[in-house]
């Protein structure tokens, strides 16, 4: 089976990237009669995150389409075998999953070998999912355009995220930056 198309969608916090990604996935599902899947990396650590998760769930429900949701706040590779070439998968979002993986690791995140392994494991999981589906849409936050200060964990997080973004965009068929709700095609042709 040929690997599916990879669409990378990024943007700042509250830029509209998740809504755009959901509309993109829904449009692809309608066009191809594919099955919609949503990989949710978010965990409700506080009331704000709980409200955001609920809003995303409500938006998917209001779409009138059937979404299969996978709650996967870490270990993305564990679900890679669950998809097939009829599936349109929306993974929201890479930044949250990376955050969860770093905090799950306690102080191990300081180890360069751990950082490299984490990055390669995430890229491998994305590649494995892509090989099994029709379309994989990966959503991520653009957090690298703001000053990161001197916090070692934030610097490490930013370096790993920057590497992941660069590698995913290189693999992607399409890359879109969403600014103030407006999608800007950065690579490829719209699917």
N, C-alpha and C. Protein backbone atom coordinates (compact mmCIF):
# COMPACT_ATOMS: atom_id res chain seq x y z
N UNK A 1 0.84 -1.18 0.00
CA UNK A 1 0.00 0.00 0.00
C UNK A 1 0.88 1.24 0.00
N UNK A 2 0.54 2.23 -0.80
CA UNK A 2 1.28 3.49 -0.84
C UNK A 2 0.97 4.29 0.42
N UNK A 3 1.96 5.04 0.87
CA UNK A 3 1.72 5.85 2.06
C UNK A 3 0.73 6.96 1.75
N UNK A 4 0.04 7.40 2.80
CA UNK A 4 -0.94 8.46 2.65
C UNK A 4 -0.30 9.82 2.54
N UNK A 5 -1.11 10.78 2.24
CA UNK A 5 -0.64 12.17 2.16
C UNK A 5 -0.50 12.73 3.57
N UNK A 6 0.54 13.51 3.77
CA UNK A 6 0.80 14.15 5.06
C UNK A 6 0.60 15.65 4.90
N UNK A 7 -0.28 16.19 5.74
CA UNK A 7 -0.56 17.62 5.75
C UNK A 7 -0.16 18.16 7.12
N UNK A 8 0.72 19.13 7.14
CA UNK A 8 1.18 19.75 8.38
C UNK A 8 0.54 21.12 8.50
N UNK A 9 -0.16 21.35 9.62
CA UNK A 9 -0.84 22.63 9.85
C UNK A 9 -0.31 23.22 11.15
N UNK A 10 0.23 24.42 11.07
CA UNK A 10 0.75 25.07 12.26
C UNK A 10 0.21 26.49 12.36
N UNK A 11 0.40 27.06 13.52
CA UNK A 11 -0.04 28.44 13.75
C UNK A 11 0.10 28.75 15.22
N UNK A 12 -0.05 30.00 15.55
CA UNK A 12 0.04 30.42 16.94
C UNK A 12 -1.15 29.95 17.76
N UNK A 13 -1.06 30.15 19.05
CA UNK A 13 -2.15 29.81 19.96
C UNK A 13 -3.39 30.61 19.56
N UNK A 14 -4.52 29.93 19.47
CA UNK A 14 -5.81 30.54 19.12
C UNK A 14 -5.83 31.16 17.71
N UNK A 15 -5.01 30.63 16.83
CA UNK A 15 -4.94 31.15 15.46
C UNK A 15 -6.05 30.62 14.56
N UNK A 16 -6.71 29.55 14.99
CA UNK A 16 -7.73 28.91 14.17
C UNK A 16 -7.24 27.66 13.45
N UNK A 17 -6.03 27.22 13.80
CA UNK A 17 -5.45 26.07 13.11
C UNK A 17 -6.22 24.78 13.33
N UNK A 18 -6.72 24.55 14.55
CA UNK A 18 -7.47 23.32 14.81
C UNK A 18 -8.79 23.30 14.06
N UNK A 19 -9.48 24.42 14.02
CA UNK A 19 -10.74 24.50 13.27
C UNK A 19 -10.48 24.28 11.78
N UNK A 20 -9.42 24.89 11.27
CA UNK A 20 -9.06 24.70 9.87
C UNK A 20 -8.73 23.23 9.61
N UNK A 21 -7.98 22.60 10.52
CA UNK A 21 -7.61 21.19 10.36
C UNK A 21 -8.85 20.30 10.37
N UNK A 22 -9.80 20.59 11.25
CA UNK A 22 -11.04 19.81 11.31
C UNK A 22 -11.85 19.96 10.02
N UNK A 23 -11.94 21.17 9.51
CA UNK A 23 -12.66 21.40 8.24
C UNK A 23 -11.95 20.68 7.08
N UNK A 24 -10.62 20.72 7.09
CA UNK A 24 -9.85 20.04 6.05
C UNK A 24 -10.10 18.54 6.10
N UNK A 25 -10.02 17.96 7.29
CA UNK A 25 -10.26 16.51 7.44
C UNK A 25 -11.67 16.15 7.01
N UNK A 26 -12.65 16.94 7.43
CA UNK A 26 -14.05 16.67 7.07
C UNK A 26 -14.24 16.74 5.55
N UNK A 27 -13.65 17.74 4.92
CA UNK A 27 -13.74 17.87 3.47
C UNK A 27 -13.13 16.68 2.74
N UNK A 28 -11.99 16.22 3.23
CA UNK A 28 -11.34 15.05 2.63
C UNK A 28 -12.18 13.80 2.82
N UNK A 29 -12.80 13.66 3.98
CA UNK A 29 -13.63 12.49 4.26
C UNK A 29 -14.84 12.47 3.34
N UNK A 30 -15.44 13.63 3.13
CA UNK A 30 -16.61 13.71 2.24
C UNK A 30 -16.19 13.40 0.80
N UNK A 31 -15.06 13.99 0.38
CA UNK A 31 -14.60 13.81 -0.99
C UNK A 31 -14.20 12.36 -1.28
N UNK A 32 -13.58 11.69 -0.31
CA UNK A 32 -13.04 10.34 -0.54
C UNK A 32 -13.88 9.24 0.09
N UNK A 33 -14.96 9.63 0.79
CA UNK A 33 -15.77 8.68 1.54
C UNK A 33 -14.92 7.91 2.56
N UNK A 34 -13.94 8.62 3.13
CA UNK A 34 -13.05 8.02 4.12
C UNK A 34 -13.63 8.10 5.52
N UNK A 35 -12.99 7.40 6.42
CA UNK A 35 -13.39 7.38 7.82
C UNK A 35 -12.54 8.37 8.60
N UNK A 36 -13.20 9.18 9.43
CA UNK A 36 -12.52 10.22 10.20
C UNK A 36 -12.05 9.70 11.55
N UNK A 37 -10.79 10.01 11.86
CA UNK A 37 -10.20 9.69 13.15
C UNK A 37 -9.57 10.95 13.72
N UNK A 38 -9.66 11.09 15.04
CA UNK A 38 -9.09 12.24 15.72
C UNK A 38 -8.18 11.70 16.83
N UNK A 39 -6.89 11.98 16.72
CA UNK A 39 -5.94 11.62 17.78
C UNK A 39 -5.77 12.84 18.66
N UNK A 40 -6.25 12.73 19.90
CA UNK A 40 -6.23 13.84 20.84
C UNK A 40 -5.08 13.66 21.83
N UNK A 41 -4.16 14.61 21.81
CA UNK A 41 -3.02 14.55 22.72
C UNK A 41 -3.28 15.29 24.02
N UNK A 42 -4.32 16.10 24.05
CA UNK A 42 -4.59 16.94 25.22
C UNK A 42 -5.09 16.17 26.42
N UNK A 43 -4.67 16.63 27.58
CA UNK A 43 -5.16 16.13 28.86
C UNK A 43 -5.70 17.34 29.63
N UNK A 44 -6.79 17.13 30.33
CA UNK A 44 -7.42 18.23 31.08
C UNK A 44 -6.73 18.42 32.42
N UNK A 45 -5.65 19.20 32.41
CA UNK A 45 -4.91 19.48 33.64
C UNK A 45 -5.57 20.59 34.46
N UNK A 46 -6.35 21.44 33.79
CA UNK A 46 -7.00 22.55 34.48
C UNK A 46 -8.32 22.86 33.78
N UNK A 47 -9.08 23.78 34.32
CA UNK A 47 -10.40 24.09 33.77
C UNK A 47 -10.31 24.70 32.36
N UNK A 48 -9.27 25.48 32.09
CA UNK A 48 -9.12 26.06 30.75
C UNK A 48 -8.92 24.97 29.70
N UNK A 49 -8.02 24.01 30.00
CA UNK A 49 -7.77 22.92 29.06
C UNK A 49 -9.02 22.04 28.93
N UNK A 50 -9.71 21.83 30.01
CA UNK A 50 -10.95 21.06 29.97
C UNK A 50 -11.97 21.72 29.03
N UNK A 51 -12.08 23.04 29.10
CA UNK A 51 -13.00 23.78 28.24
C UNK A 51 -12.57 23.69 26.77
N UNK A 52 -11.27 23.77 26.51
CA UNK A 52 -10.77 23.67 25.14
C UNK A 52 -11.07 22.30 24.55
N UNK A 53 -10.83 21.26 25.34
CA UNK A 53 -11.10 19.90 24.89
C UNK A 53 -12.59 19.74 24.59
N UNK A 54 -13.43 20.24 25.48
CA UNK A 54 -14.88 20.15 25.28
C UNK A 54 -15.31 20.89 24.03
N UNK A 55 -14.73 22.08 23.77
CA UNK A 55 -15.07 22.85 22.58
C UNK A 55 -14.73 22.07 21.31
N UNK A 56 -13.54 21.43 21.30
CA UNK A 56 -13.15 20.63 20.14
C UNK A 56 -14.10 19.45 19.95
N UNK A 57 -14.48 18.79 21.04
CA UNK A 57 -15.42 17.67 20.95
C UNK A 57 -16.76 18.14 20.42
N UNK A 58 -17.23 19.27 20.91
CA UNK A 58 -18.51 19.83 20.45
C UNK A 58 -18.45 20.18 18.96
N UNK A 59 -17.34 20.78 18.53
CA UNK A 59 -17.19 21.14 17.12
C UNK A 59 -17.26 19.91 16.23
N UNK A 60 -16.60 18.82 16.64
CA UNK A 60 -16.63 17.60 15.84
C UNK A 60 -18.04 17.01 15.82
N UNK A 61 -18.71 17.05 16.95
CA UNK A 61 -20.07 16.52 17.01
C UNK A 61 -21.02 17.33 16.13
N UNK A 62 -20.88 18.66 16.14
CA UNK A 62 -21.73 19.54 15.33
C UNK A 62 -21.51 19.35 13.84
N UNK A 63 -20.37 18.80 13.46
CA UNK A 63 -20.07 18.62 12.04
C UNK A 63 -21.04 17.66 11.36
N UNK A 64 -21.70 16.83 12.16
CA UNK A 64 -22.61 15.84 11.60
C UNK A 64 -21.90 14.63 11.03
N UNK A 65 -20.59 14.59 11.17
CA UNK A 65 -19.80 13.46 10.69
C UNK A 65 -19.38 12.60 11.87
N UNK A 66 -19.14 11.34 11.60
CA UNK A 66 -18.72 10.44 12.67
C UNK A 66 -17.19 10.47 12.79
N UNK A 67 -16.72 10.85 13.96
CA UNK A 67 -15.29 10.86 14.26
C UNK A 67 -15.00 9.76 15.28
N UNK A 68 -13.98 8.96 15.03
CA UNK A 68 -13.48 8.03 16.04
C UNK A 68 -12.34 8.75 16.75
N UNK A 69 -12.47 8.91 18.07
CA UNK A 69 -11.47 9.65 18.83
C UNK A 69 -10.55 8.70 19.58
N UNK A 70 -9.26 8.98 19.49
CA UNK A 70 -8.22 8.24 20.18
C UNK A 70 -7.58 9.20 21.18
N UNK A 71 -7.79 8.96 22.47
CA UNK A 71 -7.15 9.77 23.51
C UNK A 71 -5.73 9.23 23.67
N UNK A 72 -4.74 10.00 23.20
CA UNK A 72 -3.35 9.53 23.19
C UNK A 72 -2.42 10.65 23.63
N UNK A 73 -2.35 10.92 24.95
CA UNK A 73 -1.50 12.02 25.43
C UNK A 73 -0.01 11.69 25.42
N UNK A 74 0.35 10.44 25.14
CA UNK A 74 1.76 10.04 25.04
C UNK A 74 1.82 8.73 24.24
N UNK A 75 3.02 8.30 23.93
CA UNK A 75 3.25 7.01 23.25
C UNK A 75 2.41 6.87 21.99
N UNK A 76 2.55 7.81 21.07
CA UNK A 76 1.79 7.83 19.83
C UNK A 76 1.92 6.53 19.06
N UNK A 77 3.09 5.91 19.14
CA UNK A 77 3.34 4.69 18.38
C UNK A 77 2.41 3.54 18.76
N UNK A 78 1.82 3.59 19.95
CA UNK A 78 0.97 2.50 20.41
C UNK A 78 -0.29 2.32 19.57
N UNK A 79 -0.73 3.35 18.88
CA UNK A 79 -1.97 3.22 18.11
C UNK A 79 -1.73 3.16 16.60
N UNK A 80 -0.49 3.16 16.17
CA UNK A 80 -0.21 3.25 14.73
C UNK A 80 -0.78 2.08 13.93
N UNK A 81 -0.96 0.93 14.53
CA UNK A 81 -1.47 -0.23 13.80
C UNK A 81 -2.97 -0.28 13.65
N UNK A 82 -3.68 0.74 14.12
CA UNK A 82 -5.15 0.73 14.11
C UNK A 82 -5.80 1.37 12.89
N UNK A 83 -5.02 1.75 11.90
CA UNK A 83 -5.57 2.50 10.79
C UNK A 83 -5.40 1.77 9.46
N UNK A 84 -6.20 2.19 8.47
CA UNK A 84 -6.08 1.60 7.13
C UNK A 84 -6.21 2.68 6.06
N UNK A 85 -6.12 2.27 4.81
CA UNK A 85 -6.03 3.23 3.71
C UNK A 85 -7.34 3.96 3.41
N UNK A 86 -8.38 3.76 4.18
CA UNK A 86 -9.62 4.53 4.05
C UNK A 86 -9.67 5.68 5.06
N UNK A 87 -8.70 5.74 5.96
CA UNK A 87 -8.76 6.65 7.10
C UNK A 87 -8.16 8.01 6.82
N UNK A 88 -8.88 9.02 7.32
CA UNK A 88 -8.39 10.40 7.35
C UNK A 88 -8.16 10.68 8.83
N UNK A 89 -6.92 10.96 9.20
CA UNK A 89 -6.55 11.09 10.60
C UNK A 89 -6.09 12.51 10.89
N UNK A 90 -6.67 13.07 11.92
CA UNK A 90 -6.28 14.39 12.41
C UNK A 90 -5.62 14.20 13.76
N UNK A 91 -4.34 14.56 13.85
CA UNK A 91 -3.58 14.48 15.10
C UNK A 91 -3.40 15.89 15.64
N UNK A 92 -4.03 16.16 16.79
CA UNK A 92 -4.01 17.49 17.39
C UNK A 92 -3.63 17.35 18.87
N UNK A 93 -2.46 17.76 19.31
CA UNK A 93 -1.45 18.39 18.50
C UNK A 93 -0.07 17.93 18.95
N UNK A 94 0.89 18.12 18.07
CA UNK A 94 2.27 17.72 18.31
C UNK A 94 2.88 18.42 19.52
N UNK A 95 2.63 19.71 19.67
CA UNK A 95 3.23 20.45 20.79
C UNK A 95 2.74 19.92 22.14
N UNK A 96 1.46 19.57 22.22
CA UNK A 96 0.92 19.02 23.47
C UNK A 96 1.52 17.65 23.75
N UNK A 97 1.61 16.81 22.73
CA UNK A 97 2.20 15.48 22.92
C UNK A 97 3.65 15.58 23.37
N UNK A 98 4.43 16.46 22.74
CA UNK A 98 5.82 16.65 23.14
C UNK A 98 5.90 17.11 24.59
N UNK A 99 5.07 18.06 24.96
CA UNK A 99 5.01 18.53 26.34
C UNK A 99 4.73 17.37 27.31
N UNK A 100 3.73 16.57 26.98
CA UNK A 100 3.39 15.43 27.84
C UNK A 100 4.54 14.45 27.97
N UNK A 101 5.22 14.18 26.86
CA UNK A 101 6.35 13.24 26.88
C UNK A 101 7.50 13.78 27.74
N UNK A 102 7.77 15.07 27.63
CA UNK A 102 8.86 15.64 28.43
C UNK A 102 8.54 15.62 29.92
N UNK A 103 7.31 15.95 30.29
CA UNK A 103 6.96 15.95 31.71
C UNK A 103 6.82 14.54 32.27
N UNK A 104 6.46 13.61 31.42
CA UNK A 104 6.38 12.21 31.84
C UNK A 104 7.77 11.67 32.18
N UNK A 105 8.78 12.27 31.56
CA UNK A 105 10.16 11.80 31.71
C UNK A 105 10.87 12.35 32.93
N UNK A 106 10.21 13.21 33.70
CA UNK A 106 10.80 13.87 34.86
C UNK A 106 12.11 14.54 34.47
N UNK A 107 13.22 14.23 35.14
CA UNK A 107 14.48 14.92 34.82
C UNK A 107 15.29 14.26 33.70
N UNK A 108 14.79 13.18 33.13
CA UNK A 108 15.50 12.50 32.04
C UNK A 108 15.59 13.40 30.81
N UNK A 109 14.69 14.37 30.69
CA UNK A 109 14.67 15.26 29.53
C UNK A 109 16.00 15.99 29.34
N UNK A 110 16.80 16.09 30.39
CA UNK A 110 18.10 16.77 30.29
C UNK A 110 19.12 15.97 29.47
N UNK A 111 18.89 14.68 29.33
CA UNK A 111 19.81 13.77 28.66
C UNK A 111 19.66 13.91 27.14
N UNK A 112 20.75 14.22 26.46
CA UNK A 112 20.73 14.43 25.00
C UNK A 112 20.27 13.17 24.26
N UNK A 113 20.67 11.99 24.74
CA UNK A 113 20.25 10.74 24.11
C UNK A 113 18.74 10.58 24.21
N UNK A 114 18.16 10.94 25.37
CA UNK A 114 16.71 10.87 25.54
C UNK A 114 16.03 11.82 24.55
N UNK A 115 16.54 13.04 24.43
CA UNK A 115 15.96 14.03 23.52
C UNK A 115 15.96 13.52 22.07
N UNK A 116 17.10 12.96 21.65
CA UNK A 116 17.21 12.44 20.29
C UNK A 116 16.26 11.26 20.07
N UNK A 117 16.17 10.38 21.08
CA UNK A 117 15.28 9.22 20.97
C UNK A 117 13.83 9.66 20.92
N UNK A 118 13.46 10.62 21.76
CA UNK A 118 12.09 11.12 21.77
C UNK A 118 11.73 11.69 20.40
N UNK A 119 12.60 12.50 19.85
CA UNK A 119 12.36 13.09 18.53
C UNK A 119 12.21 12.00 17.47
N UNK A 120 13.13 11.04 17.45
CA UNK A 120 13.06 9.99 16.43
C UNK A 120 11.85 9.08 16.64
N UNK A 121 11.46 8.83 17.89
CA UNK A 121 10.27 8.01 18.16
C UNK A 121 9.00 8.71 17.65
N UNK A 122 8.90 10.01 17.87
CA UNK A 122 7.73 10.75 17.40
C UNK A 122 7.68 10.78 15.87
N UNK A 123 8.80 11.01 15.23
CA UNK A 123 8.84 11.01 13.77
C UNK A 123 8.51 9.62 13.21
N UNK A 124 9.01 8.58 13.85
CA UNK A 124 8.72 7.22 13.41
C UNK A 124 7.23 6.92 13.55
N UNK A 125 6.62 7.31 14.68
CA UNK A 125 5.19 7.07 14.88
C UNK A 125 4.36 7.79 13.82
N UNK A 126 4.70 9.03 13.53
CA UNK A 126 4.00 9.78 12.49
C UNK A 126 4.16 9.09 11.14
N UNK A 127 5.35 8.64 10.83
CA UNK A 127 5.61 7.94 9.58
C UNK A 127 4.83 6.62 9.50
N UNK A 128 4.77 5.88 10.60
CA UNK A 128 4.04 4.61 10.62
C UNK A 128 2.54 4.85 10.41
N UNK A 129 2.00 5.85 11.05
CA UNK A 129 0.57 6.16 10.87
C UNK A 129 0.33 6.58 9.42
N UNK A 130 1.20 7.42 8.90
CA UNK A 130 1.07 7.87 7.51
C UNK A 130 1.07 6.70 6.53
N UNK A 131 1.88 5.70 6.79
CA UNK A 131 1.98 4.54 5.89
C UNK A 131 0.69 3.72 5.86
N UNK A 132 -0.13 3.87 6.88
CA UNK A 132 -1.34 3.06 6.97
C UNK A 132 -2.62 3.78 6.57
N UNK A 133 -2.58 5.09 6.43
CA UNK A 133 -3.82 5.85 6.21
C UNK A 133 -3.84 6.50 4.84
N UNK A 134 -4.95 7.15 4.55
CA UNK A 134 -5.09 7.88 3.29
C UNK A 134 -4.56 9.30 3.43
N UNK A 135 -4.95 9.96 4.53
CA UNK A 135 -4.47 11.30 4.83
C UNK A 135 -4.14 11.38 6.32
N UNK A 136 -3.01 11.99 6.65
CA UNK A 136 -2.66 12.29 8.03
C UNK A 136 -2.43 13.79 8.12
N UNK A 137 -3.21 14.42 9.00
CA UNK A 137 -3.08 15.85 9.24
C UNK A 137 -2.47 16.03 10.62
N UNK A 138 -1.32 16.65 10.68
CA UNK A 138 -0.62 16.90 11.94
C UNK A 138 -0.73 18.38 12.25
N UNK A 139 -1.25 18.69 13.44
CA UNK A 139 -1.39 20.08 13.89
C UNK A 139 -0.32 20.36 14.94
N UNK A 140 0.27 21.55 14.88
CA UNK A 140 1.27 21.94 15.86
C UNK A 140 1.25 23.46 16.06
N UNK A 141 1.68 23.88 17.21
CA UNK A 141 1.76 25.31 17.53
C UNK A 141 3.08 25.89 17.07
N UNK A 142 3.02 27.11 16.58
CA UNK A 142 4.23 27.87 16.28
C UNK A 142 4.58 28.64 17.55
N UNK A 143 5.51 28.12 18.30
CA UNK A 143 5.93 28.77 19.55
C UNK A 143 7.36 29.27 19.46
N UNK A 144 7.96 29.11 18.30
CA UNK A 144 9.38 29.43 18.17
C UNK A 144 9.64 30.87 17.77
N UNK A 145 8.58 31.64 17.58
CA UNK A 145 8.74 33.04 17.16
C UNK A 145 8.71 34.01 18.33
N UNK A 146 8.65 33.50 19.53
CA UNK A 146 8.61 34.36 20.71
C UNK A 146 9.87 34.09 21.54
N UNK A 147 10.33 35.06 22.32
CA UNK A 147 11.50 34.84 23.17
C UNK A 147 11.26 33.68 24.13
N UNK A 148 12.26 32.81 24.26
CA UNK A 148 12.08 31.63 25.11
C UNK A 148 12.75 31.76 26.47
N UNK A 149 13.45 32.85 26.70
CA UNK A 149 14.07 33.06 28.00
C UNK A 149 15.26 32.14 28.23
N UNK A 150 15.55 31.88 29.49
CA UNK A 150 16.73 31.11 29.83
C UNK A 150 16.41 29.81 30.55
N UNK A 151 15.14 29.43 30.60
CA UNK A 151 14.74 28.19 31.25
C UNK A 151 15.22 27.00 30.42
N UNK A 152 16.00 26.13 31.02
CA UNK A 152 16.61 25.02 30.29
C UNK A 152 15.57 24.09 29.67
N UNK A 153 14.49 23.81 30.38
CA UNK A 153 13.45 22.94 29.84
C UNK A 153 12.77 23.59 28.63
N UNK A 154 12.49 24.88 28.70
CA UNK A 154 11.85 25.59 27.59
C UNK A 154 12.77 25.62 26.37
N UNK A 155 14.06 25.82 26.60
CA UNK A 155 15.04 25.82 25.51
C UNK A 155 15.09 24.44 24.87
N UNK A 156 15.15 23.39 25.69
CA UNK A 156 15.18 22.02 25.18
C UNK A 156 13.92 21.71 24.39
N UNK A 157 12.77 22.06 24.94
CA UNK A 157 11.49 21.86 24.28
C UNK A 157 11.48 22.55 22.92
N UNK A 158 11.93 23.79 22.87
CA UNK A 158 11.95 24.56 21.63
C UNK A 158 12.87 23.93 20.59
N UNK A 159 14.02 23.44 21.02
CA UNK A 159 14.95 22.79 20.08
C UNK A 159 14.34 21.53 19.50
N UNK A 160 13.74 20.70 20.35
CA UNK A 160 13.13 19.46 19.87
C UNK A 160 11.98 19.79 18.93
N UNK A 161 11.13 20.73 19.31
CA UNK A 161 9.98 21.10 18.48
C UNK A 161 10.43 21.65 17.13
N UNK A 162 11.44 22.50 17.14
CA UNK A 162 11.95 23.04 15.88
C UNK A 162 12.45 21.94 14.96
N UNK A 163 13.16 20.97 15.52
CA UNK A 163 13.65 19.84 14.73
C UNK A 163 12.48 19.02 14.19
N UNK A 164 11.49 18.76 15.03
CA UNK A 164 10.32 18.01 14.59
C UNK A 164 9.60 18.74 13.45
N UNK A 165 9.38 20.04 13.62
CA UNK A 165 8.70 20.81 12.57
C UNK A 165 9.46 20.72 11.26
N UNK A 166 10.75 20.93 11.31
CA UNK A 166 11.57 20.90 10.09
C UNK A 166 11.47 19.54 9.40
N UNK A 167 11.57 18.47 10.18
CA UNK A 167 11.52 17.12 9.61
C UNK A 167 10.13 16.77 9.07
N UNK A 168 9.08 17.17 9.78
CA UNK A 168 7.73 16.86 9.33
C UNK A 168 7.40 17.64 8.06
N UNK A 169 7.78 18.91 8.01
CA UNK A 169 7.54 19.71 6.81
C UNK A 169 8.30 19.11 5.62
N UNK A 170 9.49 18.63 5.86
CA UNK A 170 10.26 17.99 4.78
C UNK A 170 9.52 16.75 4.26
N UNK A 171 8.91 15.97 5.15
CA UNK A 171 8.17 14.77 4.77
C UNK A 171 6.81 15.10 4.16
N UNK A 172 6.25 16.25 4.51
CA UNK A 172 4.86 16.59 4.18
C UNK A 172 4.64 16.86 2.69
N UNK A 173 3.45 16.50 2.26
CA UNK A 173 3.01 16.84 0.91
C UNK A 173 2.52 18.28 0.87
N UNK A 174 2.02 18.74 2.02
CA UNK A 174 1.44 20.07 2.12
C UNK A 174 1.74 20.63 3.50
N UNK A 175 2.08 21.91 3.58
CA UNK A 175 2.30 22.59 4.86
C UNK A 175 1.55 23.91 4.82
N UNK A 176 0.76 24.14 5.88
CA UNK A 176 -0.09 25.33 5.96
C UNK A 176 0.18 26.04 7.28
N UNK A 177 0.33 27.35 7.21
CA UNK A 177 0.45 28.19 8.39
C UNK A 177 -0.86 28.95 8.52
N UNK A 178 -1.48 28.88 9.70
CA UNK A 178 -2.73 29.60 9.92
C UNK A 178 -2.43 30.82 10.79
N UNK A 179 -2.75 31.98 10.27
CA UNK A 179 -2.55 33.26 10.97
C UNK A 179 -3.89 33.96 11.05
N UNK A 180 -4.36 34.25 12.27
CA UNK A 180 -5.62 34.97 12.47
C UNK A 180 -6.77 34.34 11.68
N UNK A 181 -6.78 33.01 11.65
CA UNK A 181 -7.85 32.29 10.97
C UNK A 181 -7.68 32.14 9.47
N UNK A 182 -6.61 32.70 8.92
CA UNK A 182 -6.38 32.64 7.48
C UNK A 182 -5.28 31.62 7.17
N UNK A 183 -5.63 30.55 6.43
CA UNK A 183 -4.61 29.56 6.06
C UNK A 183 -3.71 30.07 4.95
N UNK A 184 -2.40 29.92 5.14
CA UNK A 184 -1.41 30.34 4.16
C UNK A 184 -0.65 29.09 3.73
N UNK A 185 -0.80 28.69 2.46
CA UNK A 185 -0.14 27.50 1.95
C UNK A 185 1.36 27.78 1.85
N UNK A 186 2.15 26.98 2.56
CA UNK A 186 3.61 27.18 2.57
C UNK A 186 4.32 26.16 1.68
N UNK A 187 3.67 25.00 1.45
CA UNK A 187 4.29 23.94 0.65
C UNK A 187 3.19 23.09 0.03
N UNK A 188 3.38 22.70 -1.24
CA UNK A 188 2.48 21.76 -1.89
C UNK A 188 1.26 22.39 -2.50
N UNK A 189 0.34 21.52 -2.90
CA UNK A 189 -0.94 21.90 -3.49
C UNK A 189 -2.03 21.39 -2.56
N UNK A 190 -3.11 22.16 -2.37
CA UNK A 190 -4.19 21.71 -1.49
C UNK A 190 -4.72 20.34 -1.92
N UNK A 191 -4.96 19.47 -0.93
CA UNK A 191 -5.46 18.11 -1.20
C UNK A 191 -6.89 18.15 -1.66
